[in-house]
Amino acid sequence: MAVLGKLSKLTTMNKTIVITGVSKGLGRALTEKFISLGHTIIGCSRSQNSIELLQQKYPQHYFTALDVSNDQQVETWIDSFATIPDLVINNAAIINPPAPLWEISAEDFSYLMDVNIKGTANVIRHIVPLMIKANKGIIVNLSSGWGRSTSPEVAPYCASKWAIEGLTQALAQELPSGIATVALNPGIIHTDMLDICFGDDAQYYTPLYPH
């Protein structure tokens, strides 16, 4: 898968990599790929059960159950790091069930923004000071084709990814020399999220684990 190749080229020796949303989809695939390349993963997900299974499967790595939309949980998590990460991948995100914007409840809209935008900002808020202290680090914020284009019935998700693009570009202008950030569009991949927005047509897109 192209995105795995792009990210794996960012590191040549054993690195410490933070990934949010590791329980499934692209986050899980990235986790397993980087582990296979010999890197150390610090990951999180909302699913306690999934985190426990990952920790059992990969006992030399570090997995925590938390909600990235909760700034206090994120701060506590990052404060627990034994080492400063070389690479942070803000992958955690959700998508709305397809519907016109006016049919999406205020609660569902707000939670999507909390996870997709505020969750990314929460991680950045607490990780950047560590990177500045170490004078190193790369932050990759997962975006989407819908971060630069739009489609009907996914307005909240589009809005969140457009925000990620703007947030990342502004952050890149703020970071000191030695630290970098980029918004990365991984392309259309067949994940659970794609099943939600594309339905049966999702099967025609690139599988997460091609044979």
N, C-alpha and C. Protein backbone atom coordinates (compact mmCIF):
# COMPACT_ATOMS: atom_id res chain seq x y z
N MET A 1 0.84 -1.19 0.00
CA MET A 1 0.00 0.00 0.00
C MET A 1 0.88 1.24 0.00
N ALA A 2 0.59 2.20 -0.84
CA ALA A 2 1.47 3.35 -1.07
C ALA A 2 1.77 4.13 0.19
N VAL A 3 0.74 4.39 1.02
CA VAL A 3 0.98 5.20 2.21
C VAL A 3 1.94 4.53 3.17
N LEU A 4 1.92 3.20 3.26
CA LEU A 4 2.85 2.50 4.14
C LEU A 4 4.27 2.67 3.64
N GLY A 5 4.43 2.61 2.32
CA GLY A 5 5.76 2.80 1.75
C GLY A 5 6.28 4.20 1.99
N LYS A 6 5.43 5.19 1.81
CA LYS A 6 5.85 6.58 2.02
C LYS A 6 6.30 6.82 3.45
N LEU A 7 5.51 6.34 4.40
CA LEU A 7 5.85 6.59 5.80
C LEU A 7 7.05 5.78 6.25
N SER A 8 7.20 4.55 5.73
CA SER A 8 8.34 3.74 6.16
C SER A 8 9.65 4.36 5.70
N LYS A 9 9.64 5.12 4.62
CA LYS A 9 10.86 5.77 4.14
C LYS A 9 11.28 6.94 5.02
N LEU A 10 10.39 7.39 5.91
CA LEU A 10 10.74 8.49 6.80
C LEU A 10 11.76 8.07 7.85
N THR A 11 11.91 6.77 8.07
CA THR A 11 12.80 6.29 9.11
C THR A 11 13.73 5.23 8.54
N THR A 12 15.00 5.26 8.96
CA THR A 12 15.96 4.28 8.46
C THR A 12 16.53 3.41 9.58
N MET A 13 16.45 3.88 10.83
CA MET A 13 16.91 3.10 11.97
C MET A 13 15.73 2.96 12.92
N ASN A 14 15.95 2.20 14.00
CA ASN A 14 14.86 2.03 14.96
C ASN A 14 14.41 3.38 15.52
N LYS A 15 13.13 3.68 15.37
CA LYS A 15 12.56 4.94 15.82
C LYS A 15 11.38 4.68 16.76
N THR A 16 11.05 5.66 17.54
CA THR A 16 9.85 5.61 18.38
C THR A 16 8.75 6.37 17.66
N ILE A 17 7.64 5.67 17.40
CA ILE A 17 6.57 6.24 16.58
C ILE A 17 5.26 6.20 17.35
N VAL A 18 4.62 7.35 17.45
CA VAL A 18 3.31 7.46 18.10
C VAL A 18 2.23 7.43 17.02
N ILE A 19 1.22 6.58 17.22
CA ILE A 19 0.11 6.48 16.27
C ILE A 19 -1.19 6.51 17.06
N THR A 20 -2.10 7.39 16.68
CA THR A 20 -3.43 7.39 17.30
C THR A 20 -4.40 6.58 16.44
N GLY A 21 -5.40 5.98 17.09
CA GLY A 21 -6.39 5.19 16.36
C GLY A 21 -5.81 3.90 15.82
N VAL A 22 -5.15 3.12 16.70
CA VAL A 22 -4.43 1.92 16.25
C VAL A 22 -5.28 0.66 16.22
N SER A 23 -6.54 0.73 16.65
CA SER A 23 -7.30 -0.51 16.84
C SER A 23 -7.77 -1.15 15.54
N LYS A 24 -7.89 -0.36 14.48
CA LYS A 24 -8.38 -0.93 13.22
C LYS A 24 -8.00 -0.02 12.06
N GLY A 25 -8.35 -0.47 10.86
CA GLY A 25 -8.14 0.34 9.67
C GLY A 25 -6.69 0.70 9.42
N LEU A 26 -6.47 1.89 8.91
CA LEU A 26 -5.14 2.34 8.55
C LEU A 26 -4.22 2.40 9.76
N GLY A 27 -4.74 2.82 10.91
CA GLY A 27 -3.92 2.89 12.11
C GLY A 27 -3.35 1.54 12.50
N ARG A 28 -4.17 0.50 12.40
CA ARG A 28 -3.71 -0.86 12.71
C ARG A 28 -2.68 -1.33 11.70
N ALA A 29 -2.94 -1.03 10.41
CA ALA A 29 -2.01 -1.44 9.36
C ALA A 29 -0.65 -0.75 9.52
N LEU A 30 -0.68 0.54 9.83
CA LEU A 30 0.57 1.27 10.05
C LEU A 30 1.33 0.71 11.25
N THR A 31 0.60 0.42 12.31
CA THR A 31 1.22 -0.15 13.51
C THR A 31 1.95 -1.44 13.18
N GLU A 32 1.28 -2.34 12.50
CA GLU A 32 1.88 -3.64 12.21
C GLU A 32 3.03 -3.52 11.21
N LYS A 33 2.91 -2.61 10.25
CA LYS A 33 3.99 -2.41 9.29
C LYS A 33 5.24 -1.86 9.97
N PHE A 34 5.08 -0.84 10.80
CA PHE A 34 6.24 -0.26 11.47
C PHE A 34 6.88 -1.24 12.44
N ILE A 35 6.07 -2.05 13.13
CA ILE A 35 6.63 -3.07 14.02
C ILE A 35 7.46 -4.06 13.21
N SER A 36 6.95 -4.45 12.04
CA SER A 36 7.69 -5.40 11.20
C SER A 36 9.01 -4.83 10.71
N LEU A 37 9.11 -3.49 10.66
CA LEU A 37 10.35 -2.83 10.23
C LEU A 37 11.30 -2.58 11.39
N GLY A 38 10.88 -2.97 12.59
CA GLY A 38 11.77 -2.87 13.74
C GLY A 38 11.63 -1.60 14.57
N HIS A 39 10.57 -0.84 14.36
CA HIS A 39 10.38 0.39 15.12
C HIS A 39 9.55 0.13 16.38
N THR A 40 9.61 1.05 17.32
CA THR A 40 8.86 0.95 18.57
C THR A 40 7.61 1.80 18.48
N ILE A 41 6.47 1.21 18.78
CA ILE A 41 5.18 1.89 18.65
C ILE A 41 4.61 2.26 20.01
N ILE A 42 4.14 3.50 20.10
CA ILE A 42 3.31 3.95 21.22
C ILE A 42 1.95 4.29 20.61
N GLY A 43 0.93 3.51 20.91
CA GLY A 43 -0.35 3.69 20.24
C GLY A 43 -1.50 3.87 21.19
N CYS A 44 -2.59 4.43 20.67
CA CYS A 44 -3.80 4.59 21.47
C CYS A 44 -5.04 4.34 20.63
N SER A 45 -6.12 4.04 21.32
CA SER A 45 -7.41 3.82 20.70
C SER A 45 -8.47 3.93 21.78
N ARG A 46 -9.71 4.18 21.37
CA ARG A 46 -10.80 4.24 22.35
C ARG A 46 -11.20 2.87 22.84
N SER A 47 -10.89 1.82 22.08
CA SER A 47 -11.36 0.47 22.39
C SER A 47 -10.43 -0.23 23.39
N GLN A 48 -10.90 -0.38 24.62
CA GLN A 48 -10.11 -1.06 25.64
C GLN A 48 -9.80 -2.49 25.24
N ASN A 49 -10.77 -3.20 24.68
CA ASN A 49 -10.56 -4.58 24.30
C ASN A 49 -9.50 -4.70 23.21
N SER A 50 -9.58 -3.83 22.21
CA SER A 50 -8.61 -3.88 21.11
C SER A 50 -7.21 -3.56 21.62
N ILE A 51 -7.12 -2.61 22.52
CA ILE A 51 -5.82 -2.25 23.08
C ILE A 51 -5.22 -3.42 23.86
N GLU A 52 -6.04 -4.10 24.63
CA GLU A 52 -5.54 -5.25 25.38
C GLU A 52 -5.04 -6.35 24.46
N LEU A 53 -5.75 -6.57 23.36
CA LEU A 53 -5.32 -7.59 22.40
C LEU A 53 -4.02 -7.20 21.70
N LEU A 54 -3.89 -5.92 21.36
CA LEU A 54 -2.65 -5.45 20.75
C LEU A 54 -1.47 -5.59 21.71
N GLN A 55 -1.70 -5.25 22.98
CA GLN A 55 -0.63 -5.34 23.96
C GLN A 55 -0.17 -6.78 24.16
N GLN A 56 -1.14 -7.70 24.11
CA GLN A 56 -0.80 -9.12 24.23
C GLN A 56 -0.01 -9.60 23.02
N LYS A 57 -0.39 -9.13 21.85
CA LYS A 57 0.28 -9.56 20.62
C LYS A 57 1.66 -8.95 20.48
N TYR A 58 1.80 -7.69 20.94
CA TYR A 58 3.06 -6.97 20.80
C TYR A 58 3.52 -6.44 22.17
N PRO A 59 3.98 -7.33 23.05
CA PRO A 59 4.30 -6.93 24.42
C PRO A 59 5.47 -5.96 24.55
N GLN A 60 6.29 -5.84 23.52
CA GLN A 60 7.43 -4.92 23.59
C GLN A 60 7.06 -3.49 23.19
N HIS A 61 5.79 -3.28 22.89
CA HIS A 61 5.31 -1.96 22.48
C HIS A 61 4.33 -1.44 23.52
N TYR A 62 3.78 -0.25 23.29
CA TYR A 62 3.03 0.43 24.35
C TYR A 62 1.68 0.93 23.83
N PHE A 63 0.61 0.34 24.35
CA PHE A 63 -0.73 0.68 23.87
C PHE A 63 -1.61 1.11 25.04
N THR A 64 -2.39 2.17 24.80
CA THR A 64 -3.21 2.76 25.86
C THR A 64 -4.62 3.05 25.32
N ALA A 65 -5.63 2.77 26.12
CA ALA A 65 -7.01 3.10 25.76
C ALA A 65 -7.31 4.52 26.22
N LEU A 66 -7.66 5.38 25.28
CA LEU A 66 -8.05 6.75 25.61
C LEU A 66 -8.80 7.35 24.45
N ASP A 67 -9.47 8.47 24.72
CA ASP A 67 -10.22 9.21 23.72
C ASP A 67 -9.43 10.48 23.40
N VAL A 68 -8.93 10.61 22.17
CA VAL A 68 -8.09 11.76 21.84
C VAL A 68 -8.84 13.08 21.94
N SER A 69 -10.17 13.03 21.94
CA SER A 69 -10.93 14.28 22.08
C SER A 69 -10.90 14.82 23.50
N ASN A 70 -10.40 14.01 24.44
CA ASN A 70 -10.30 14.41 25.83
C ASN A 70 -8.87 14.91 26.10
N ASP A 71 -8.72 16.22 26.22
CA ASP A 71 -7.37 16.80 26.35
C ASP A 71 -6.65 16.30 27.58
N GLN A 72 -7.34 16.11 28.69
CA GLN A 72 -6.70 15.64 29.91
C GLN A 72 -6.15 14.23 29.74
N GLN A 73 -6.93 13.37 29.08
CA GLN A 73 -6.44 12.01 28.83
C GLN A 73 -5.20 12.03 27.95
N VAL A 74 -5.22 12.88 26.93
CA VAL A 74 -4.07 12.98 26.02
C VAL A 74 -2.85 13.49 26.77
N GLU A 75 -3.03 14.51 27.60
CA GLU A 75 -1.90 15.06 28.36
C GLU A 75 -1.30 14.00 29.27
N THR A 76 -2.15 13.26 29.98
CA THR A 76 -1.65 12.21 30.89
C THR A 76 -0.89 11.15 30.12
N TRP A 77 -1.43 10.77 28.96
CA TRP A 77 -0.79 9.75 28.11
C TRP A 77 0.59 10.22 27.67
N ILE A 78 0.69 11.40 27.12
CA ILE A 78 1.97 11.89 26.61
C ILE A 78 2.96 12.13 27.74
N ASP A 79 2.49 12.56 28.90
CA ASP A 79 3.37 12.73 30.06
C ASP A 79 4.00 11.40 30.49
N SER A 80 3.35 10.29 30.14
CA SER A 80 3.86 8.97 30.54
C SER A 80 4.95 8.44 29.61
N PHE A 81 5.20 9.11 28.50
CA PHE A 81 6.19 8.62 27.54
C PHE A 81 7.57 8.57 28.17
N ALA A 82 8.25 7.45 28.00
CA ALA A 82 9.60 7.31 28.53
C ALA A 82 10.64 7.91 27.60
N THR A 83 10.26 8.15 26.35
CA THR A 83 11.18 8.73 25.38
C THR A 83 10.42 9.68 24.47
N ILE A 84 11.12 10.61 23.88
CA ILE A 84 10.49 11.56 22.97
C ILE A 84 10.36 10.93 21.59
N PRO A 85 9.16 10.88 21.03
CA PRO A 85 8.98 10.20 19.74
C PRO A 85 9.66 10.92 18.59
N ASP A 86 10.08 10.12 17.62
CA ASP A 86 10.67 10.66 16.40
C ASP A 86 9.59 11.05 15.39
N LEU A 87 8.49 10.30 15.42
CA LEU A 87 7.41 10.48 14.45
C LEU A 87 6.07 10.33 15.15
N VAL A 88 5.16 11.26 14.90
CA VAL A 88 3.79 11.19 15.43
C VAL A 88 2.83 11.16 14.26
N ILE A 89 1.94 10.18 14.24
CA ILE A 89 0.94 10.07 13.18
C ILE A 89 -0.44 10.25 13.79
N ASN A 90 -1.04 11.39 13.54
CA ASN A 90 -2.41 11.65 14.00
C ASN A 90 -3.38 11.03 13.01
N ASN A 91 -3.78 9.81 13.33
CA ASN A 91 -4.63 9.02 12.43
C ASN A 91 -6.07 8.93 12.92
N ALA A 92 -6.29 9.01 14.23
CA ALA A 92 -7.63 8.80 14.79
C ALA A 92 -8.66 9.74 14.17
N ALA A 93 -9.74 9.17 13.68
CA ALA A 93 -10.81 9.96 13.07
C ALA A 93 -12.06 9.11 12.94
N ILE A 94 -13.20 9.78 12.83
CA ILE A 94 -14.47 9.11 12.58
C ILE A 94 -15.14 9.79 11.40
N ILE A 95 -16.13 9.13 10.84
CA ILE A 95 -16.90 9.70 9.73
C ILE A 95 -18.38 9.61 10.07
N ASN A 96 -19.14 10.55 9.55
CA ASN A 96 -20.59 10.53 9.81
C ASN A 96 -21.28 9.54 8.88
N PRO A 97 -22.36 8.89 9.33
CA PRO A 97 -23.18 8.10 8.41
C PRO A 97 -23.70 9.02 7.32
N PRO A 98 -23.67 8.61 6.06
CA PRO A 98 -24.07 9.51 4.98
C PRO A 98 -25.47 10.10 5.19
N ALA A 99 -25.53 11.42 5.13
CA ALA A 99 -26.80 12.14 5.31
C ALA A 99 -26.58 13.60 4.95
N PRO A 100 -27.65 14.29 4.50
CA PRO A 100 -27.53 15.74 4.30
C PRO A 100 -27.16 16.42 5.61
N LEU A 101 -26.43 17.51 5.52
CA LEU A 101 -25.93 18.18 6.71
C LEU A 101 -27.03 18.50 7.71
N TRP A 102 -28.20 18.95 7.21
CA TRP A 102 -29.25 19.37 8.13
C TRP A 102 -29.91 18.20 8.86
N GLU A 103 -29.62 16.98 8.43
CA GLU A 103 -30.17 15.82 9.12
C GLU A 103 -29.20 15.23 10.15
N ILE A 104 -28.01 15.79 10.23
CA ILE A 104 -27.01 15.30 11.20
C ILE A 104 -27.18 16.07 12.50
N SER A 105 -27.34 15.36 13.59
CA SER A 105 -27.62 16.00 14.87
C SER A 105 -26.44 16.86 15.33
N ALA A 106 -26.73 17.83 16.15
CA ALA A 106 -25.70 18.70 16.70
C ALA A 106 -24.68 17.88 17.50
N GLU A 107 -25.18 16.87 18.21
CA GLU A 107 -24.29 16.05 19.03
C GLU A 107 -23.32 15.26 18.15
N ASP A 108 -23.83 14.64 17.07
CA ASP A 108 -22.97 13.86 16.18
C ASP A 108 -21.97 14.76 15.47
N PHE A 109 -22.42 15.93 15.05
CA PHE A 109 -21.52 16.88 14.38
C PHE A 109 -20.39 17.29 15.32
N SER A 110 -20.77 17.64 16.54
CA SER A 110 -19.77 18.11 17.51
C SER A 110 -18.76 17.02 17.84
N TYR A 111 -19.22 15.78 18.01
CA TYR A 111 -18.28 14.73 18.38
C TYR A 111 -17.30 14.44 17.25
N LEU A 112 -17.77 14.47 16.02
CA LEU A 112 -16.86 14.28 14.89
C LEU A 112 -15.77 15.35 14.89
N MET A 113 -16.16 16.60 15.12
CA MET A 113 -15.17 17.68 15.17
C MET A 113 -14.23 17.50 16.36
N ASP A 114 -14.78 17.03 17.48
CA ASP A 114 -13.96 16.82 18.67
C ASP A 114 -12.86 15.79 18.40
N VAL A 115 -13.21 14.70 17.73
CA VAL A 115 -12.24 13.65 17.46
C VAL A 115 -11.28 14.07 16.34
N ASN A 116 -11.84 14.48 15.20
CA ASN A 116 -11.03 14.69 14.01
C ASN A 116 -10.15 15.93 14.08
N ILE A 117 -10.66 17.00 14.66
CA ILE A 117 -9.88 18.25 14.72
C ILE A 117 -9.27 18.44 16.11
N LYS A 118 -10.11 18.46 17.14
CA LYS A 118 -9.59 18.71 18.48
C LYS A 118 -8.67 17.59 18.93
N GLY A 119 -8.97 16.35 18.53
CA GLY A 119 -8.09 15.23 18.90
C GLY A 119 -6.69 15.43 18.35
N THR A 120 -6.61 15.85 17.10
CA THR A 120 -5.31 16.13 16.49
C THR A 120 -4.62 17.28 17.21
N ALA A 121 -5.36 18.34 17.48
CA ALA A 121 -4.80 19.50 18.17
C ALA A 121 -4.34 19.14 19.58
N ASN A 122 -5.09 18.28 20.26
CA ASN A 122 -4.71 17.87 21.62
C ASN A 122 -3.35 17.18 21.62
N VAL A 123 -3.15 16.27 20.68
CA VAL A 123 -1.86 15.58 20.60
C VAL A 123 -0.75 16.58 20.31
N ILE A 124 -0.97 17.44 19.34
CA ILE A 124 0.03 18.45 18.98
C ILE A 124 0.37 19.33 20.18
N ARG A 125 -0.64 19.75 20.90
CA ARG A 125 -0.46 20.66 22.04
C ARG A 125 0.54 20.11 23.06
N HIS A 126 0.49 18.80 23.26
CA HIS A 126 1.33 18.21 24.31
C HIS A 126 2.60 17.57 23.77
N ILE A 127 2.66 17.26 22.49
CA ILE A 127 3.85 16.61 21.94
C ILE A 127 4.87 17.61 21.44
N VAL A 128 4.42 18.74 20.91
CA VAL A 128 5.36 19.70 20.34
C VAL A 128 6.38 20.22 21.36
N PRO A 129 5.97 20.56 22.59
CA PRO A 129 6.99 21.01 23.56
C PRO A 129 8.09 19.98 23.78
N LEU A 130 7.75 18.68 23.75
CA LEU A 130 8.77 17.65 23.89
C LEU A 130 9.71 17.64 22.69
N MET A 131 9.13 17.80 21.51
CA MET A 131 9.94 17.82 20.29
C MET A 131 10.85 19.04 20.25
N ILE A 132 10.34 20.18 20.70
CA ILE A 132 11.16 21.39 20.73
C ILE A 132 12.35 21.20 21.68
N LYS A 133 12.09 20.57 22.81
CA LYS A 133 13.15 20.30 23.78
C LYS A 133 14.23 19.41 23.19
N ALA A 134 13.81 18.43 22.37
CA ALA A 134 14.76 17.50 21.76
C ALA A 134 15.29 18.00 20.42
N ASN A 135 14.68 19.06 19.90
CA ASN A 135 15.05 19.62 18.59
C ASN A 135 14.95 18.57 17.48
N LYS A 136 13.86 17.78 17.53
CA LYS A 136 13.65 16.78 16.49
C LYS A 136 12.19 16.38 16.48
N GLY A 137 11.75 15.81 15.37
CA GLY A 137 10.41 15.23 15.31
C GLY A 137 9.66 15.59 14.05
N ILE A 138 8.82 14.66 13.62
CA ILE A 138 7.94 14.85 12.47
C ILE A 138 6.52 14.53 12.90
N ILE A 139 5.58 15.39 12.55
CA ILE A 139 4.16 15.16 12.83
C ILE A 139 3.42 14.99 11.51
N VAL A 140 2.79 13.84 11.34
CA VAL A 140 1.99 13.57 10.15
C VAL A 140 0.52 13.57 10.55
N ASN A 141 -0.25 14.48 10.00
CA ASN A 141 -1.68 14.54 10.26
C ASN A 141 -2.41 13.92 9.07
N LEU A 142 -3.11 12.82 9.31
CA LEU A 142 -3.80 12.13 8.23
C LEU A 142 -4.96 12.98 7.73
N SER A 143 -4.94 13.28 6.45
CA SER A 143 -5.99 14.06 5.81
C SER A 143 -6.80 13.12 4.91
N SER A 144 -7.27 13.64 3.80
CA SER A 144 -8.14 12.88 2.92
C SER A 144 -8.29 13.64 1.60
N GLY A 145 -8.73 12.92 0.57
CA GLY A 145 -9.12 13.63 -0.65
C GLY A 145 -10.21 14.63 -0.36
N TRP A 146 -11.01 14.34 0.68
CA TRP A 146 -12.08 15.25 1.10
C TRP A 146 -11.54 16.39 1.97
N GLY A 147 -10.22 16.50 2.05
CA GLY A 147 -9.61 17.66 2.68
C GLY A 147 -9.33 18.75 1.66
N ARG A 148 -9.53 18.42 0.37
CA ARG A 148 -9.31 19.40 -0.69
C ARG A 148 -10.43 19.36 -1.73
N SER A 149 -11.41 18.52 -1.50
CA SER A 149 -12.58 18.44 -2.37
C SER A 149 -13.78 18.10 -1.49
N THR A 150 -14.96 17.97 -2.09
CA THR A 150 -16.17 17.68 -1.31
C THR A 150 -17.05 16.66 -2.03
N SER A 151 -17.93 16.06 -1.28
CA SER A 151 -18.96 15.16 -1.79
C SER A 151 -20.20 15.35 -0.94
N PRO A 152 -21.37 15.05 -1.49
CA PRO A 152 -22.60 15.18 -0.69
C PRO A 152 -22.67 14.14 0.41
N GLU A 153 -23.35 14.46 1.47
CA GLU A 153 -23.68 13.59 2.58
C GLU A 153 -22.52 13.26 3.51
N VAL A 154 -21.37 13.90 3.29
CA VAL A 154 -20.25 13.75 4.22
C VAL A 154 -19.68 15.13 4.59
N ALA A 155 -20.58 16.12 4.67
CA ALA A 155 -20.14 17.49 4.93
C ALA A 155 -19.33 17.63 6.23
N PRO A 156 -19.74 17.01 7.34
CA PRO A 156 -18.94 17.15 8.56
C PRO A 156 -17.52 16.60 8.39
N TYR A 157 -17.42 15.45 7.77
CA TYR A 157 -16.09 14.86 7.57
C TYR A 157 -15.24 15.73 6.65
N CYS A 158 -15.84 16.22 5.56
CA CYS A 158 -15.12 17.13 4.66
C CYS A 158 -14.62 18.35 5.42
N ALA A 159 -15.49 18.93 6.21
CA ALA A 159 -15.12 20.12 6.98
C ALA A 159 -13.94 19.83 7.91
N SER A 160 -13.97 18.66 8.53
CA SER A 160 -12.89 18.32 9.47
C SER A 160 -11.56 18.14 8.75
N LYS A 161 -11.59 17.55 7.58
CA LYS A 161 -10.33 17.32 6.87
C LYS A 161 -9.81 18.59 6.18
N TRP A 162 -10.71 19.47 5.74
CA TRP A 162 -10.26 20.77 5.28
C TRP A 162 -9.58 21.50 6.44
N ALA A 163 -10.12 21.35 7.63
CA ALA A 163 -9.53 21.98 8.81
C ALA A 163 -8.14 21.41 9.09
N ILE A 164 -7.98 20.10 8.92
CA ILE A 164 -6.68 19.47 9.14
C ILE A 164 -5.64 20.03 8.17
N GLU A 165 -6.05 20.25 6.93
CA GLU A 165 -5.13 20.82 5.95
C GLU A 165 -4.67 22.22 6.39
N GLY A 166 -5.62 23.05 6.79
CA GLY A 166 -5.27 24.41 7.21
C GLY A 166 -4.47 24.42 8.50
N LEU A 167 -4.88 23.60 9.46
CA LEU A 167 -4.17 23.50 10.73
C LEU A 167 -2.72 23.11 10.50
N THR A 168 -2.51 22.13 9.63
CA THR A 168 -1.16 21.62 9.39
C THR A 168 -0.28 22.65 8.70
N GLN A 169 -0.84 23.34 7.72
CA GLN A 169 -0.06 24.36 7.03
C GLN A 169 0.34 25.50 7.96
N ALA A 170 -0.58 25.91 8.82
CA ALA A 170 -0.26 26.96 9.78
C ALA A 170 0.78 26.47 10.79
N LEU A 171 0.61 25.24 11.27
CA LEU A 171 1.56 24.67 12.23
C LEU A 171 2.95 24.60 11.63
N ALA A 172 3.05 24.24 10.35
CA ALA A 172 4.36 24.15 9.69
C ALA A 172 5.08 25.49 9.72
N GLN A 173 4.33 26.58 9.67
CA GLN A 173 4.93 27.91 9.71
C GLN A 173 5.36 28.31 11.12
N GLU A 174 4.80 27.64 12.11
CA GLU A 174 5.09 27.97 13.50
C GLU A 174 6.24 27.16 14.09
N LEU A 175 6.44 25.96 13.60
CA LEU A 175 7.43 25.06 14.19
C LEU A 175 8.85 25.57 13.96
N PRO A 176 9.73 25.39 14.94
CA PRO A 176 11.12 25.80 14.77
C PRO A 176 11.89 24.84 13.87
N SER A 177 13.05 25.26 13.45
CA SER A 177 13.91 24.41 12.63
C SER A 177 14.20 23.10 13.35
N GLY A 178 14.18 22.00 12.61
CA GLY A 178 14.43 20.69 13.19
C GLY A 178 13.17 19.88 13.40
N ILE A 179 12.00 20.53 13.31
CA ILE A 179 10.72 19.85 13.48
C ILE A 179 9.85 20.15 12.26
N ALA A 180 9.13 19.15 11.79
CA ALA A 180 8.33 19.34 10.58
C ALA A 180 6.96 18.71 10.75
N THR A 181 6.02 19.18 9.95
CA THR A 181 4.68 18.58 9.93
C THR A 181 4.15 18.56 8.51
N VAL A 182 3.31 17.58 8.21
CA VAL A 182 2.73 17.46 6.88
C VAL A 182 1.34 16.84 7.01
N ALA A 183 0.42 17.26 6.16
CA ALA A 183 -0.89 16.61 6.05
C ALA A 183 -0.80 15.59 4.92
N LEU A 184 -1.12 14.35 5.21
CA LEU A 184 -0.96 13.27 4.23
C LEU A 184 -2.30 12.66 3.86
N ASN A 185 -2.61 12.67 2.57
CA ASN A 185 -3.80 12.01 2.04
C ASN A 185 -3.41 10.60 1.64
N PRO A 186 -3.90 9.56 2.35
CA PRO A 186 -3.48 8.19 2.06
C PRO A 186 -4.14 7.58 0.83
N GLY A 187 -5.09 8.31 0.22
CA GLY A 187 -5.82 7.73 -0.91
C GLY A 187 -7.04 6.95 -0.42
N ILE A 188 -7.77 6.38 -1.37
CA ILE A 188 -8.99 5.64 -1.02
C ILE A 188 -8.64 4.19 -0.75
N ILE A 189 -8.84 3.77 0.50
CA ILE A 189 -8.50 2.42 0.94
C ILE A 189 -9.75 1.77 1.52
N HIS A 190 -9.91 0.48 1.25
CA HIS A 190 -11.09 -0.22 1.75
C HIS A 190 -10.93 -0.52 3.24
N THR A 191 -11.55 0.31 4.07
CA THR A 191 -11.56 0.13 5.52
C THR A 191 -13.01 0.14 6.00
N ASP A 192 -13.18 -0.04 7.33
CA ASP A 192 -14.53 0.05 7.89
C ASP A 192 -15.14 1.42 7.63
N MET A 193 -14.30 2.46 7.66
CA MET A 193 -14.80 3.80 7.41
C MET A 193 -15.33 3.94 5.98
N LEU A 194 -14.63 3.31 5.04
CA LEU A 194 -15.08 3.37 3.65
C LEU A 194 -16.40 2.62 3.48
N ASP A 195 -16.57 1.53 4.23
CA ASP A 195 -17.84 0.80 4.18
C ASP A 195 -19.00 1.70 4.59
N ILE A 196 -18.76 2.58 5.58
CA ILE A 196 -19.81 3.47 6.06
C ILE A 196 -20.24 4.44 4.98
N CYS A 197 -19.26 5.04 4.30
CA CYS A 197 -19.63 6.10 3.35
C CYS A 197 -19.86 5.61 1.92
N PHE A 198 -19.29 4.46 1.54
CA PHE A 198 -19.45 3.97 0.17
C PHE A 198 -20.37 2.75 0.07
N GLY A 199 -20.68 2.12 1.20
CA GLY A 199 -21.54 0.95 1.18
C GLY A 199 -20.91 -0.19 0.39
N ASP A 200 -21.70 -0.88 -0.42
CA ASP A 200 -21.21 -2.03 -1.19
C ASP A 200 -20.11 -1.67 -2.18
N ASP A 201 -20.09 -0.42 -2.61
CA ASP A 201 -19.07 -0.01 -3.58
C ASP A 201 -17.67 0.04 -2.99
N ALA A 202 -17.57 -0.02 -1.67
CA ALA A 202 -16.25 0.04 -1.03
C ALA A 202 -15.37 -1.13 -1.46
N GLN A 203 -15.98 -2.25 -1.81
CA GLN A 203 -15.22 -3.44 -2.17
C GLN A 203 -14.36 -3.25 -3.43
N TYR A 204 -14.67 -2.23 -4.20
CA TYR A 204 -13.93 -2.02 -5.45
C TYR A 204 -12.67 -1.19 -5.27
N TYR A 205 -12.40 -0.76 -4.04
CA TYR A 205 -11.23 0.06 -3.79
C TYR A 205 -10.11 -0.76 -3.15
N THR A 206 -8.91 -0.17 -3.10
CA THR A 206 -7.71 -0.86 -2.64
C THR A 206 -7.92 -1.46 -1.26
N PRO A 207 -7.73 -2.79 -1.13
CA PRO A 207 -7.87 -3.40 0.20
C PRO A 207 -6.73 -2.99 1.10
N LEU A 208 -7.00 -2.96 2.39
CA LEU A 208 -6.00 -2.55 3.36
C LEU A 208 -4.82 -3.52 3.39
N TYR A 209 -5.12 -4.79 3.21
CA TYR A 209 -4.07 -5.82 3.19
C TYR A 209 -4.14 -6.56 1.86
N PRO A 210 -3.58 -5.97 0.77
CA PRO A 210 -3.66 -6.62 -0.55
C PRO A 210 -2.95 -7.95 -0.56
N HIS A 211 -3.51 -8.88 -1.32
CA HIS A 211 -2.91 -10.21 -1.42
C HIS A 211 -1.80 -10.21 -2.48
